[in-house]
Protein backbone atom coordinates (compact mmCIF):
# COMPACT_ATOMS: atom_id res chain seq x y z
CA MET A 1 66.42 3.53 -163.89
CA ASP A 2 68.30 1.75 -166.68
CA ILE A 3 71.84 2.92 -165.90
CA SER A 4 73.04 2.09 -169.41
CA LYS A 5 71.03 4.94 -170.91
CA ILE A 6 73.30 7.59 -169.40
CA ILE A 7 76.31 6.22 -171.33
CA GLY A 8 77.33 8.63 -174.07
CA HIS A 9 75.70 11.65 -172.47
CA GLY A 10 77.65 14.81 -171.80
CA VAL A 11 78.44 15.99 -168.28
CA THR A 12 79.93 19.05 -166.62
CA HIS A 13 82.29 18.78 -163.63
CA ILE A 14 82.82 21.67 -161.18
CA SER A 15 86.60 21.49 -161.76
CA TYR A 16 87.33 19.44 -164.90
CA GLY A 17 84.71 21.00 -167.12
CA VAL A 18 83.00 19.19 -170.00
CA GLY A 19 83.18 15.45 -170.62
CA LYS A 20 81.23 12.37 -171.69
CA ILE A 21 80.12 9.25 -169.77
CA VAL A 22 81.88 6.26 -171.36
CA SER A 23 80.82 3.48 -168.96
CA ALA A 24 78.42 3.07 -166.05
CA ASN A 25 77.03 0.58 -163.56
CA ASP A 26 74.84 0.96 -160.48
CA LYS A 27 77.81 2.02 -158.32
CA GLN A 28 80.31 3.79 -160.57
CA ILE A 29 80.65 5.77 -163.78
CA GLN A 30 83.64 6.68 -165.94
CA VAL A 31 83.90 10.10 -167.57
CA LEU A 32 86.24 11.03 -170.40
CA PHE A 33 86.83 14.79 -170.26
CA ASP A 34 87.63 16.99 -173.23
CA SER A 35 91.08 17.44 -171.71
CA GLY A 36 91.72 13.72 -172.31
CA GLU A 37 91.54 12.75 -168.62
CA LEU A 38 89.53 9.64 -167.72
CA LYS A 39 87.97 9.80 -164.23
CA LYS A 40 85.90 7.40 -162.12
CA TYR A 41 83.09 8.61 -159.85
CA GLN A 42 80.64 7.04 -157.43
CA PHE A 43 77.09 6.79 -158.75
CA PRO A 44 74.83 8.57 -157.99
CA GLN A 45 76.71 10.52 -155.26
CA ALA A 46 78.80 12.45 -157.80
CA PHE A 47 75.67 14.00 -159.33
CA ILE A 48 74.60 15.30 -155.92
CA SER A 49 77.91 16.99 -155.19
CA TYR A 50 79.99 18.14 -158.17
CA LEU A 51 78.87 16.54 -161.43
CA ARG A 52 75.88 17.38 -163.65
CA ILE A 53 74.53 15.54 -166.67
CA ASP A 54 73.60 17.85 -169.54
CA GLU A 55 70.32 16.05 -170.27
CA GLU A 56 67.94 17.69 -167.77
CA PRO A 57 65.30 14.88 -167.71
CA LEU A 58 68.03 12.34 -166.94
CA MET A 59 69.45 14.60 -164.22
CA SER A 60 65.98 14.90 -162.67
CA GLU A 61 65.48 11.13 -162.83
CA ILE A 62 68.84 10.49 -161.13
CA LEU A 63 68.07 12.96 -158.35
CA LYS A 64 64.52 11.61 -157.93
CA GLU A 65 65.74 8.01 -157.57
CA GLU A 66 68.46 9.07 -155.15
CA ALA A 67 65.89 10.97 -153.06
CA ALA A 68 63.70 7.85 -152.94
CA ARG A 69 66.68 5.74 -151.93
CA GLN A 70 67.60 8.23 -149.21
CA GLN A 71 64.00 8.24 -147.91
CA LYS A 72 64.02 4.45 -147.68
CA GLU A 73 67.41 4.56 -145.95
CA ASP A 74 66.15 7.18 -143.49
CA GLU A 75 63.13 5.03 -142.65
CA GLU A 76 65.40 2.06 -141.98
CA LYS A 77 67.58 4.28 -139.78
CA LYS A 78 64.53 5.37 -137.78
CA LYS A 79 63.67 1.72 -137.16
CA LEU A 80 67.29 1.07 -136.18
CA ARG A 81 67.34 4.04 -133.80
CA ALA A 82 64.09 2.84 -132.19
CA LYS A 83 65.63 -0.60 -131.66
CA GLN A 84 68.84 0.94 -130.31
CA GLU A 85 66.83 3.10 -127.91
CA ALA A 86 65.00 0.03 -126.64
CA ASP A 87 68.32 -1.79 -126.26
CA ARG A 88 69.82 1.25 -124.51
CA LYS A 89 67.01 1.38 -121.97
CA LEU A 90 67.40 -2.34 -121.33
CA THR A 91 71.18 -1.97 -120.96
CA ALA A 92 70.84 1.10 -118.74
CA SER A 93 68.30 -0.65 -116.54
CA ALA A 94 70.57 -3.67 -116.12
CA ALA A 95 73.55 -1.41 -115.41
CA ASN A 96 71.59 0.58 -112.81
CA ASN A 97 70.52 -2.60 -111.06
CA THR A 98 74.13 -3.83 -110.97
CA ASN A 99 75.39 -0.44 -109.81
CA ARG A 100 72.88 -0.30 -106.95
CA LYS A 101 73.95 -3.72 -105.80
CA GLN A 102 77.65 -2.78 -105.86
CA THR A 103 77.69 0.87 -104.77
CA GLY A 104 74.35 1.62 -103.16
CA ASN A 105 73.08 5.05 -104.17
CA ARG A 106 76.41 6.35 -105.55
CA SER A 107 75.83 7.96 -108.98
CA SER A 108 77.76 7.00 -112.10
CA SER A 109 80.72 9.19 -113.09
CA ARG A 110 79.66 9.11 -116.76
CA THR A 111 76.90 11.28 -118.19
CA MET A 112 74.12 9.96 -120.41
CA GLY A 113 75.81 11.65 -123.36
CA GLU A 114 78.90 9.51 -122.85
CA LEU A 115 77.14 6.23 -122.09
CA GLN A 116 78.16 3.56 -124.61
CA ALA A 117 75.59 0.98 -125.66
CA TYR A 118 76.58 -2.54 -126.64
CA THR A 119 75.29 -2.23 -130.19
CA GLY A 120 77.00 -1.58 -133.48
CA ARG A 121 76.58 -1.60 -137.24
CA ILE A 122 78.51 -1.94 -140.47
CA ILE A 123 79.21 1.38 -142.20
CA ASP A 124 80.44 1.75 -145.77
CA LEU A 125 80.61 4.37 -148.51
CA ASN A 126 76.80 4.40 -148.76
CA SER A 127 76.37 5.45 -145.10
CA SER A 128 75.36 9.06 -144.44
CA PHE A 129 73.86 11.13 -141.63
CA TYR A 130 72.29 14.56 -141.28
CA THR A 131 74.09 15.54 -138.05
CA HIS A 132 77.16 14.73 -135.96
CA ALA A 133 74.90 13.48 -133.18
CA GLU A 134 73.02 11.13 -135.53
CA ALA A 135 76.28 9.57 -136.72
CA LEU A 136 77.69 9.15 -133.20
CA ASN A 137 74.43 7.76 -131.83
CA SER A 138 73.69 5.40 -134.70
CA CYS A 139 77.23 4.08 -135.18
CA PHE A 140 78.82 4.18 -131.74
CA GLY A 141 75.99 3.95 -129.21
CA TYR A 142 76.06 7.51 -127.86
CA HIS A 143 72.89 9.34 -126.87
CA TYR A 144 73.54 12.94 -127.82
CA VAL A 145 70.72 15.36 -128.44
CA GLN A 146 73.29 17.45 -130.29
CA PHE A 147 77.06 17.38 -130.83
CA GLN A 148 78.56 20.32 -132.69
CA LYS A 149 82.29 19.63 -132.42
CA ALA A 150 84.00 18.42 -135.59
CA TYR A 151 86.17 15.89 -133.73
CA LYS A 152 85.25 13.18 -131.22
CA ASN A 153 87.90 10.98 -129.57
CA LEU A 154 86.43 7.52 -128.93
CA ASP A 155 89.25 6.68 -126.44
CA ASN A 156 89.98 3.34 -128.15
CA GLY A 157 92.58 4.34 -130.73
CA PHE A 158 89.89 5.77 -133.02
CA ALA A 159 88.35 9.21 -133.41
CA VAL A 160 85.45 10.52 -135.50
CA TRP A 161 86.02 13.57 -137.70
CA PHE A 162 83.36 15.62 -139.52
CA PRO A 163 85.25 17.80 -142.04
CA ARG A 164 83.56 20.11 -144.51
CA ILE A 165 85.22 19.56 -147.87
CA ALA A 166 86.56 22.66 -149.62
CA LYS A 167 85.04 23.90 -152.84
CA ARG A 168 87.39 24.21 -155.80
CA VAL A 169 87.11 27.47 -157.73
CA GLY A 170 89.52 27.55 -160.65
CA SER A 171 92.92 26.60 -159.29
CA GLN A 172 92.04 27.49 -155.68
CA TYR A 173 90.27 25.65 -152.87
CA LEU A 174 87.96 27.68 -150.64
CA SER A 175 86.77 26.63 -147.20
CA SER A 176 83.06 25.77 -147.24
CA ASP A 177 82.71 26.64 -143.56
CA GLN A 178 82.16 30.35 -142.97
CA TYR A 179 82.90 29.97 -139.26
CA TRP A 180 86.32 28.34 -139.50
CA GLY A 181 89.35 28.61 -141.67
CA TRP A 182 90.42 25.03 -142.31
CA VAL A 183 90.56 24.03 -145.96
CA ASN A 184 89.90 20.28 -146.24
CA ILE A 185 90.73 18.78 -149.63
CA ILE A 186 89.85 15.21 -150.62
CA SER A 187 91.52 13.53 -153.59
CA GLU A 188 89.42 12.44 -156.58
CA ASN A 189 89.54 8.77 -155.54
CA GLY A 190 89.04 9.60 -151.86
CA ASP A 191 92.29 7.95 -150.75
CA THR A 192 93.81 11.14 -149.29
CA ILE A 193 92.47 14.06 -147.24
CA THR A 194 94.66 17.12 -146.74
CA GLN A 195 93.90 19.71 -144.07
CA ILE A 196 95.56 23.12 -144.43
CA ASP A 197 95.09 26.53 -142.88
CA ASN A 198 94.55 29.94 -144.41
CA PRO A 199 96.01 33.35 -143.45
CA ASP A 200 93.09 34.16 -141.15
CA TYR A 201 93.37 30.89 -139.20
CA PRO A 202 97.06 29.88 -139.05
CA TYR A 203 97.94 26.26 -138.37
CA SER A 204 98.80 25.76 -134.69
CA GLY A 205 101.01 22.69 -135.08
CA GLY A 206 101.36 20.34 -132.11
CA GLU A 207 101.86 16.61 -132.00
CA PRO A 208 100.35 14.58 -134.88
CA ASP A 209 97.10 12.85 -134.03
CA LYS A 210 97.80 9.11 -133.81
CA ASN A 211 94.13 8.09 -133.71
CA LYS A 212 92.66 6.32 -136.70
CA ARG A 213 90.13 8.80 -138.06
CA ILE A 214 86.64 7.62 -138.97
CA ILE A 215 85.65 10.37 -141.38
CA PHE A 216 82.17 11.58 -142.26
CA ALA A 217 82.67 14.36 -144.82
CA ARG A 218 80.21 17.03 -145.92
CA PHE A 219 80.55 18.17 -149.52
CA GLU A 220 79.51 21.49 -151.01
CA GLY A 221 75.78 21.49 -151.79
CA ASP A 222 75.07 18.34 -149.78
CA ASN A 223 73.11 18.36 -146.52
CA LYS A 224 74.54 15.12 -145.15
CA TYR A 225 77.80 13.88 -143.70
CA ARG A 226 78.91 10.92 -145.81
CA PHE A 227 81.25 8.19 -144.56
CA VAL A 228 84.33 8.29 -146.80
CA GLY A 229 86.53 5.83 -144.91
CA VAL A 230 88.97 5.23 -142.07
CA TYR A 231 92.20 7.23 -142.33
CA ILE A 232 95.56 7.45 -140.58
CA PHE A 233 98.01 10.33 -140.24
CA GLU A 234 100.37 10.41 -143.21
CA GLN A 235 102.59 13.50 -143.04
CA ARG A 236 102.96 17.01 -141.62
CA PHE A 237 103.33 20.19 -143.69
CA SER A 238 104.31 23.68 -142.60
CA ASN A 239 100.66 24.72 -142.83
CA GLY A 240 98.76 21.49 -142.26
CA GLU A 241 98.80 17.71 -142.56
CA SER A 242 97.49 14.86 -144.67
CA PHE A 243 95.71 11.56 -143.95
CA THR A 244 95.63 8.33 -145.98
CA ARG A 245 92.65 5.99 -146.25
CA ILE A 246 93.14 2.47 -144.88
CA GLY A 247 89.58 1.17 -145.16
CA THR A 248 86.14 1.85 -146.64
CA LYS A 249 84.07 -0.50 -144.48
CA LEU A 250 83.99 -0.65 -140.67
CA ASP A 251 82.25 -2.77 -138.04
CA THR A 252 81.55 -0.15 -135.36
CA LYS A 253 80.83 -2.76 -132.70
CA THR A 254 84.20 -4.55 -132.90
CA MET A 255 85.99 -1.55 -134.52
CA ARG A 256 87.31 -3.93 -137.16
CA ILE A 257 88.12 -2.56 -140.61
CA ILE A 258 86.49 -5.02 -143.01
CA GLU A 259 87.86 -3.67 -146.27
């Protein structure tokens, strides 16, 4: 679509209310709200999560194009997973041959779920996955059928975190996960994530996590976990802690933060 045609149209934000699009390109829009605040948002991700354009045909066109883009991305991911599976089998076969030569019939101490493949990829703010397992398999060479935990230590100074981002209702943030009490709040520009408890699930404290966190966040109304960046521990509160973003692009093979 011609992105310029959304300039000047009214929008409604889940928290900031009514505003107008004052500039736009294929990656970002600026919205001037009636309150006088000027905010920047990723395009078209913002319209999937918390922003809605008042012109219904334009909203439908945005969502239709994003769905087409996601379908194309999913097809490319399927091809990538097929290649990774072929590479995995080749790597596993070579490893088994080497292991038999060195240790006879002794079995490996690592399970298939923990077997790392020597492949990698570049992930950025456009990377998203339907499940924890898909993200871990595609980005880090694991072979999980499923992985339900929200945190995975990679044992190399990094960990992967899958937080569900809290929904803002008025002046309050509500946990979007009915099975757990953490309230995960991400700043408007994505540079900070704060994790706090609620009365039903008090914060347990403990030593701060020193791992760099590779974060795939799930927003209210979205069915995917979207990569929002690499973060480090910033500070501890009485009822939680905060993390600061240090990168938005990562080479998962070398674990090098590109930018």
